[in-house]
Amino acid sequence: MKTLVLATGNPGKLKEMGEILQPLGWNVRPQKEFFSSEADETGLSFVENAILKARYACEQTGLPAIADDSGIEVNALHGRPGIYSARYAALDGGGNASDEANLQKLLQDMDDVPSCMRQASYYCAMAFCRFAEDPTPLIGLGRWQGEIGYEPKGDGGFGYDPIFNLPELGKTAAELSKEEKNHISHRAQALQALVQQIKAL
């Protein structure tokens, strides 16, 4: 069985990806088993940052690696927070901000935006590199469309989920069950798109 490094510390991602990739002959291991440092996310897009993280994991381990980069884009804010979603409330000071601080900043920035202009999308880019200098990394993309609500609802999920409304379901992402979210989310879409390509290797 081939070993593959997952460049994340999220146990949920590890379990989900392991269950999908194991039947294909891949043993998925978390990066913390090999190293504790983080890649510099200097890209200007989700795709660039996902590739940077996957390459870094390959460099540190000498093994194939998968990494993802994701965030939320709001039409009325010209695509913000975008790649800065995890540090939206701390951009001036650098580093990541808490989920609550980011969420409250986004609500504040959307305060005067009418309901007809609150469209937003979660995006995820997932990259697979066979080795650090891989010239043709595989890329899976996912997009989950919704709207920014006026107040947090639900206690599931993380990040901006409590204010990410899904009009067709009448719920926020934070009100979905874990099974529902893992079936339709941007990350689930990106993973499935990537797995289809890995199967062809």
C-alpha atoms as a PDB file:
ATOM      1  CA  MET A   1       0.000   0.000   0.000  1.00  0.00           C
ATOM      2  CA  LYS A   2       1.371   3.431  -1.002  1.00  0.00           C
ATOM      3  CA  THR A   3       1.685   6.123   1.696  1.00  0.00           C
ATOM      4  CA  LEU A   4       0.300   9.599   1.058  1.00  0.00           C
ATOM      5  CA  VAL A   5       0.699  12.619   3.343  1.00  0.00           C
ATOM      6  CA  LEU A   6      -2.318  14.802   4.053  1.00  0.00           C
ATOM      7  CA  ALA A   7      -1.079  18.341   4.674  1.00  0.00           C
ATOM      8  CA  THR A   8      -3.560  19.191   7.424  1.00  0.00           C
ATOM      9  CA  GLY A   9      -4.033  18.627  11.115  1.00  0.00           C
ATOM     10  CA  ASN A  10      -7.810  18.258  10.757  1.00  0.00           C
ATOM     11  CA  PRO A  11      -8.815  14.735  11.924  1.00  0.00           C
ATOM     12  CA  GLY A  12     -12.140  14.949  10.076  1.00  0.00           C
ATOM     13  CA  LYS A  13     -10.392  15.522   6.761  1.00  0.00           C
ATOM     14  CA  LEU A  14      -7.980  12.667   7.478  1.00  0.00           C
ATOM     15  CA  LYS A  15     -10.805  10.223   8.197  1.00  0.00           C
ATOM     16  CA  GLU A  16     -12.865  11.272   5.183  1.00  0.00           C
ATOM     17  CA  MET A  17      -9.960  11.130   2.740  1.00  0.00           C
ATOM     18  CA  GLY A  18      -8.611   7.904   4.194  1.00  0.00           C
ATOM     19  CA  GLU A  19     -11.950   6.160   3.688  1.00  0.00           C
ATOM     20  CA  ILE A  20     -12.084   7.265   0.056  1.00  0.00           C
ATOM     21  CA  LEU A  21      -8.456   6.611  -0.881  1.00  0.00           C
ATOM     22  CA  GLN A  22      -7.731   3.395   1.023  1.00  0.00           C
ATOM     23  CA  PRO A  23      -9.647   1.185  -1.459  1.00  0.00           C
ATOM     24  CA  LEU A  24      -7.414   2.684  -4.181  1.00  0.00           C
ATOM     25  CA  GLY A  25      -4.296   1.406  -2.409  1.00  0.00           C
ATOM     26  CA  TRP A  26      -3.329   4.579  -0.542  1.00  0.00           C
ATOM     27  CA  ASN A  27      -2.478   4.757   3.159  1.00  0.00           C
ATOM     28  CA  VAL A  28      -3.269   8.359   4.174  1.00  0.00           C
ATOM     29  CA  ARG A  29      -1.149   9.765   7.031  1.00  0.00           C
ATOM     30  CA  PRO A  30      -1.366  13.230   8.661  1.00  0.00           C
ATOM     31  CA  GLN A  31       1.564  15.607   8.260  1.00  0.00           C
ATOM     32  CA  LYS A  32       2.017  15.847  12.049  1.00  0.00           C
ATOM     33  CA  GLU A  33       3.462  12.308  11.979  1.00  0.00           C
ATOM     34  CA  PHE A  34       6.352  13.672   9.921  1.00  0.00           C
ATOM     35  CA  PHE A  35       6.815  17.399  10.634  1.00  0.00           C
ATOM     36  CA  SER A  36       5.297  20.325  12.541  1.00  0.00           C
ATOM     37  CA  SER A  37       6.285  23.367  10.467  1.00  0.00           C
ATOM     38  CA  GLU A  38       3.884  25.081   8.069  1.00  0.00           C
ATOM     39  CA  ALA A  39       4.286  26.100   4.429  1.00  0.00           C
ATOM     40  CA  ASP A  40       4.387  29.811   3.588  1.00  0.00           C
ATOM     41  CA  GLU A  41       1.069  30.550   1.890  1.00  0.00           C
ATOM     42  CA  THR A  42       2.317  33.246  -0.452  1.00  0.00           C
ATOM     43  CA  GLY A  43       0.035  32.425  -3.397  1.00  0.00           C
ATOM     44  CA  LEU A  44      -2.599  34.789  -4.738  1.00  0.00           C
ATOM     45  CA  SER A  45      -5.231  32.098  -5.255  1.00  0.00           C
ATOM     46  CA  PHE A  46      -6.609  29.020  -3.523  1.00  0.00           C
ATOM     47  CA  VAL A  47      -4.981  26.851  -6.205  1.00  0.00           C
ATOM     48  CA  GLU A  48      -1.531  28.380  -5.714  1.00  0.00           C
ATOM     49  CA  ASN A  49      -1.679  27.990  -1.937  1.00  0.00           C
ATOM     50  CA  ALA A  50      -2.875  24.381  -2.149  1.00  0.00           C
ATOM     51  CA  ILE A  51       0.047  23.535  -4.463  1.00  0.00           C
ATOM     52  CA  LEU A  52       2.534  25.330  -2.174  1.00  0.00           C
ATOM     53  CA  LYS A  53       1.323  23.296   0.821  1.00  0.00           C
ATOM     54  CA  ALA A  54       1.378  20.002  -1.091  1.00  0.00           C
ATOM     55  CA  ARG A  55       4.904  20.661  -2.415  1.00  0.00           C
ATOM     56  CA  TYR A  56       6.095  21.572   1.074  1.00  0.00           C
ATOM     57  CA  ALA A  57       4.723  18.311   2.502  1.00  0.00           C
ATOM     58  CA  CYS A  58       6.508  16.406  -0.271  1.00  0.00           C
ATOM     59  CA  GLU A  59       9.774  18.228   0.490  1.00  0.00           C
ATOM     60  CA  GLN A  60       9.521  17.427   4.189  1.00  0.00           C
ATOM     61  CA  THR A  61       8.658  13.741   3.760  1.00  0.00           C
ATOM     62  CA  GLY A  62       9.759  12.547   0.325  1.00  0.00           C
ATOM     63  CA  LEU A  63       6.224  11.161  -0.107  1.00  0.00           C
ATOM     64  CA  PRO A  64       3.256  12.109  -2.314  1.00  0.00           C
ATOM     65  CA  ALA A  65       0.998  14.679  -0.645  1.00  0.00           C
ATOM     66  CA  ILE A  66      -2.464  16.232  -0.783  1.00  0.00           C
ATOM     67  CA  ALA A  67      -3.237  19.726   0.493  1.00  0.00           C
ATOM     68  CA  ASP A  68      -6.227  22.001   0.270  1.00  0.00           C
ATOM     69  CA  ASP A  69      -6.850  25.716   0.540  1.00  0.00           C
ATOM     70  CA  SER A  70     -10.309  27.098   0.979  1.00  0.00           C
ATOM     71  CA  GLY A  71     -12.262  30.178   1.945  1.00  0.00           C
ATOM     72  CA  ILE A  72     -15.317  32.278   1.282  1.00  0.00           C
ATOM     73  CA  GLU A  73     -15.818  34.935  -1.388  1.00  0.00           C
ATOM     74  CA  VAL A  74     -18.563  37.545  -1.114  1.00  0.00           C
ATOM     75  CA  ASN A  75     -19.751  39.225  -4.305  1.00  0.00           C
ATOM     76  CA  ALA A  76     -20.628  42.541  -2.637  1.00  0.00           C
ATOM     77  CA  LEU A  77     -17.111  42.733  -1.160  1.00  0.00           C
ATOM     78  CA  HIS A  78     -15.389  42.126  -4.519  1.00  0.00           C
ATOM     79  CA  GLY A  79     -14.354  38.582  -3.565  1.00  0.00           C
ATOM     80  CA  ARG A  80     -13.193  39.261  -0.021  1.00  0.00           C
ATOM     81  CA  PRO A  81     -12.286  37.615   2.355  1.00  0.00           C
ATOM     82  CA  GLY A  82     -11.059  35.120  -0.296  1.00  0.00           C
ATOM     83  CA  ILE A  83      -7.639  33.623   0.415  1.00  0.00           C
ATOM     84  CA  TYR A  84      -7.513  35.696   3.609  1.00  0.00           C
ATOM     85  CA  SER A  85     -10.614  34.048   5.088  1.00  0.00           C
ATOM     86  CA  ALA A  86      -8.751  32.578   8.096  1.00  0.00           C
ATOM     87  CA  ARG A  87      -7.153  35.914   8.990  1.00  0.00           C
ATOM     88  CA  TYR A  88      -9.800  38.389   7.804  1.00  0.00           C
ATOM     89  CA  ALA A  89     -10.146  40.084  11.203  1.00  0.00           C
ATOM     90  CA  ALA A  90      -6.372  40.196  11.716  1.00  0.00           C
ATOM     91  CA  LEU A  91      -5.078  41.377   8.352  1.00  0.00           C
ATOM     92  CA  ASP A  92      -3.331  44.436   9.782  1.00  0.00           C
ATOM     93  CA  GLY A  93      -1.605  42.434  12.492  1.00  0.00           C
ATOM     94  CA  GLY A  94      -0.948  39.289  10.485  1.00  0.00           C
ATOM     95  CA  GLY A  95      -1.612  35.714  11.583  1.00  0.00           C
ATOM     96  CA  ASN A  96      -4.948  33.954  11.812  1.00  0.00           C
ATOM     97  CA  ALA A  97      -7.917  35.342  13.729  1.00  0.00           C
ATOM     98  CA  SER A  98     -10.542  33.380  15.638  1.00  0.00           C
ATOM     99  CA  ASP A  99     -13.584  32.077  13.773  1.00  0.00           C
ATOM    100  CA  GLU A 100     -15.808  34.353  15.853  1.00  0.00           C
ATOM    101  CA  ALA A 101     -13.718  37.459  15.114  1.00  0.00           C
ATOM    102  CA  ASN A 102     -13.692  36.724  11.372  1.00  0.00           C
ATOM    103  CA  LEU A 103     -17.432  36.057  11.337  1.00  0.00           C
ATOM    104  CA  GLN A 104     -18.239  39.271  13.203  1.00  0.00           C
ATOM    105  CA  LYS A 105     -16.016  41.334  10.893  1.00  0.00           C
ATOM    106  CA  LEU A 106     -17.788  39.916   7.857  1.00  0.00           C
ATOM    107  CA  LEU A 107     -21.204  40.689   9.359  1.00  0.00           C
ATOM    108  CA  GLN A 108     -20.014  44.220  10.094  1.00  0.00           C
ATOM    109  CA  ASP A 109     -18.732  44.704   6.549  1.00  0.00           C
ATOM    110  CA  MET A 110     -22.073  43.437   5.195  1.00  0.00           C
ATOM    111  CA  ASP A 111     -24.167  45.597   7.527  1.00  0.00           C
ATOM    112  CA  ASP A 112     -25.574  47.893   4.818  1.00  0.00           C
ATOM    113  CA  VAL A 113     -25.805  45.291   2.040  1.00  0.00           C
ATOM    114  CA  PRO A 114     -29.428  44.472   1.074  1.00  0.00           C
ATOM    115  CA  SER A 115     -30.717  40.893   0.979  1.00  0.00           C
ATOM    116  CA  CYS A 116     -30.708  40.801  -2.836  1.00  0.00           C
ATOM    117  CA  MET A 117     -26.933  41.401  -2.920  1.00  0.00           C
ATOM    118  CA  ARG A 118     -25.623  39.013  -0.250  1.00  0.00           C
ATOM    119  CA  GLN A 119     -24.535  36.170  -2.551  1.00  0.00           C
ATOM    120  CA  ALA A 120     -21.385  34.311  -1.526  1.00  0.00           C
ATOM    121  CA  SER A 121     -19.491  31.132  -2.382  1.00  0.00           C
ATOM    122  CA  TYR A 122     -17.259  28.814  -0.444  1.00  0.00           C
ATOM    123  CA  TYR A 123     -14.342  27.673  -2.618  1.00  0.00           C
ATOM    124  CA  CYS A 124     -11.900  24.808  -2.164  1.00  0.00           C
ATOM    125  CA  ALA A 125      -8.837  23.905  -4.197  1.00  0.00           C
ATOM    126  CA  MET A 126      -7.216  20.541  -3.490  1.00  0.00           C
ATOM    127  CA  ALA A 127      -3.795  19.657  -4.894  1.00  0.00           C
ATOM    128  CA  PHE A 128      -1.998  16.315  -5.228  1.00  0.00           C
ATOM    129  CA  CYS A 129       1.767  16.269  -5.846  1.00  0.00           C
ATOM    130  CA  ARG A 130       3.672  13.045  -6.509  1.00  0.00           C
ATOM    131  CA  PHE A 131       6.946  14.699  -5.439  1.00  0.00           C
ATOM    132  CA  ALA A 132       8.138  18.199  -4.527  1.00  0.00           C
ATOM    133  CA  GLU A 133       9.066  19.256  -8.076  1.00  0.00           C
ATOM    134  CA  ASP A 134       5.994  17.660  -9.683  1.00  0.00           C
ATOM    135  CA  PRO A 135       5.421  19.694 -12.899  1.00  0.00           C
ATOM    136  CA  THR A 136       1.828  18.468 -13.261  1.00  0.00           C
ATOM    137  CA  PRO A 137       0.089  18.513  -9.874  1.00  0.00           C
ATOM    138  CA  LEU A 138      -3.490  17.276  -9.947  1.00  0.00           C
ATOM    139  CA  ILE A 139      -6.117  19.855  -8.965  1.00  0.00           C
ATOM    140  CA  GLY A 140      -9.670  19.333  -7.724  1.00  0.00           C
ATOM    141  CA  LEU A 141     -11.979  22.340  -7.378  1.00  0.00           C
ATOM    142  CA  GLY A 142     -15.219  22.811  -5.468  1.00  0.00           C
ATOM    143  CA  ARG A 143     -17.697  25.699  -5.204  1.00  0.00           C
ATOM    144  CA  TRP A 144     -20.624  25.904  -2.779  1.00  0.00           C
ATOM    145  CA  GLN A 145     -23.035  28.764  -3.398  1.00  0.00           C
ATOM    146  CA  GLY A 146     -25.072  30.504  -0.731  1.00  0.00           C
ATOM    147  CA  GLU A 147     -25.795  33.856   0.892  1.00  0.00           C
ATOM    148  CA  ILE A 148     -24.483  35.749   3.901  1.00  0.00           C
ATOM    149  CA  GLY A 149     -27.093  35.874   6.663  1.00  0.00           C
ATOM    150  CA  TYR A 150     -27.732  38.651   9.156  1.00  0.00           C
ATOM    151  CA  GLU A 151     -26.946  36.668  12.304  1.00  0.00           C
ATOM    152  CA  PRO A 152     -25.294  33.357  13.224  1.00  0.00           C
ATOM    153  CA  LYS A 153     -27.491  30.254  13.278  1.00  0.00           C
ATOM    154  CA  GLY A 154     -26.501  26.704  14.216  1.00  0.00           C
ATOM    155  CA  ASP A 155     -23.629  25.315  16.240  1.00  0.00           C
ATOM    156  CA  GLY A 156     -22.108  22.828  13.789  1.00  0.00           C
ATOM    157  CA  GLY A 157     -19.254  23.289  11.353  1.00  0.00           C
ATOM    158  CA  PHE A 158     -16.650  26.031  11.730  1.00  0.00           C
ATOM    159  CA  GLY A 159     -15.479  29.270  10.166  1.00  0.00           C
ATOM    160  CA  TYR A 160     -18.255  31.219   8.490  1.00  0.00           C
ATOM    161  CA  ASP A 161     -20.731  28.297   8.526  1.00  0.00           C
ATOM    162  CA  PRO A 162     -23.184  29.949  10.992  1.00  0.00           C
ATOM    163  CA  ILE A 163     -23.788  32.873   8.601  1.00  0.00           C
ATOM    164  CA  PHE A 164     -23.552  30.921   5.315  1.00  0.00           C
ATOM    165  CA  ASN A 165     -27.208  30.542   4.342  1.00  0.00           C
ATOM    166  CA  LEU A 166     -28.339  27.838   1.915  1.00  0.00           C
ATOM    167  CA  PRO A 167     -31.667  29.166   0.574  1.00  0.00           C
ATOM    168  CA  GLU A 168     -32.633  25.912  -1.157  1.00  0.00           C
ATOM    169  CA  LEU A 169     -32.347  24.049   2.180  1.00  0.00           C
ATOM    170  CA  GLY A 170     -33.593  26.831   4.453  1.00  0.00           C
ATOM    171  CA  LYS A 171     -30.574  26.315   6.714  1.00  0.00           C
ATOM    172  CA  THR A 172     -27.105  27.633   7.349  1.00  0.00           C
ATOM    173  CA  ALA A 173     -24.075  25.382   6.821  1.00  0.00           C
ATOM    174  CA  ALA A 174     -23.792  25.224  10.631  1.00  0.00           C
ATOM    175  CA  GLU A 175     -27.302  23.717  10.852  1.00  0.00           C
ATOM    176  CA  LEU A 176     -26.476  20.781   8.576  1.00  0.00           C
ATOM    177  CA  SER A 177     -25.523  17.376   9.902  1.00  0.00           C
ATOM    178  CA  LYS A 178     -21.917  16.352   9.353  1.00  0.00           C
ATOM    179  CA  GLU A 179     -23.120  13.786   6.801  1.00  0.00           C
ATOM    180  CA  GLU A 180     -25.111  16.399   4.858  1.00  0.00           C
ATOM    181  CA  LYS A 181     -22.219  18.832   4.798  1.00  0.00           C
ATOM    182  CA  ASN A 182     -19.672  16.203   3.743  1.00  0.00           C
ATOM    183  CA  HIS A 183     -21.915  15.279   0.824  1.00  0.00           C
ATOM    184  CA  ILE A 184     -22.455  18.747  -0.699  1.00  0.00           C
ATOM    185  CA  SER A 185     -19.725  21.070   0.577  1.00  0.00           C
ATOM    186  CA  HIS A 186     -17.032  22.752  -1.489  1.00  0.00           C
ATOM    187  CA  ARG A 187     -14.424  20.477   0.123  1.00  0.00           C
ATOM    188  CA  ALA A 188     -16.413  17.346  -0.711  1.00  0.00           C
ATOM    189  CA  GLN A 189     -16.722  18.487  -4.335  1.00  0.00           C
ATOM    190  CA  ALA A 190     -12.991  19.208  -4.610  1.00  0.00           C
ATOM    191  CA  LEU A 191     -12.061  15.876  -3.046  1.00  0.00           C
ATOM    192  CA  GLN A 192     -14.290  13.900  -5.395  1.00  0.00           C
ATOM    193  CA  ALA A 193     -12.892  15.765  -8.407  1.00  0.00           C
ATOM    194  CA  LEU A 194      -9.340  15.015  -7.240  1.00  0.00           C
ATOM    195  CA  VAL A 195     -10.027  11.348  -6.482  1.00  0.00           C
ATOM    196  CA  GLN A 196     -11.336  10.778  -9.998  1.00  0.00           C
ATOM    197  CA  GLN A 197      -7.950  11.957 -11.321  1.00  0.00           C
ATOM    198  CA  ILE A 198      -5.941   9.924  -8.791  1.00  0.00           C
ATOM    199  CA  LYS A 199      -7.844   6.810  -9.873  1.00  0.00           C
ATOM    200  CA  ALA A 200      -6.463   7.300 -13.367  1.00  0.00           C
ATOM    201  CA  LEU A 201      -2.823   7.318 -12.237  1.00  0.00           C
END
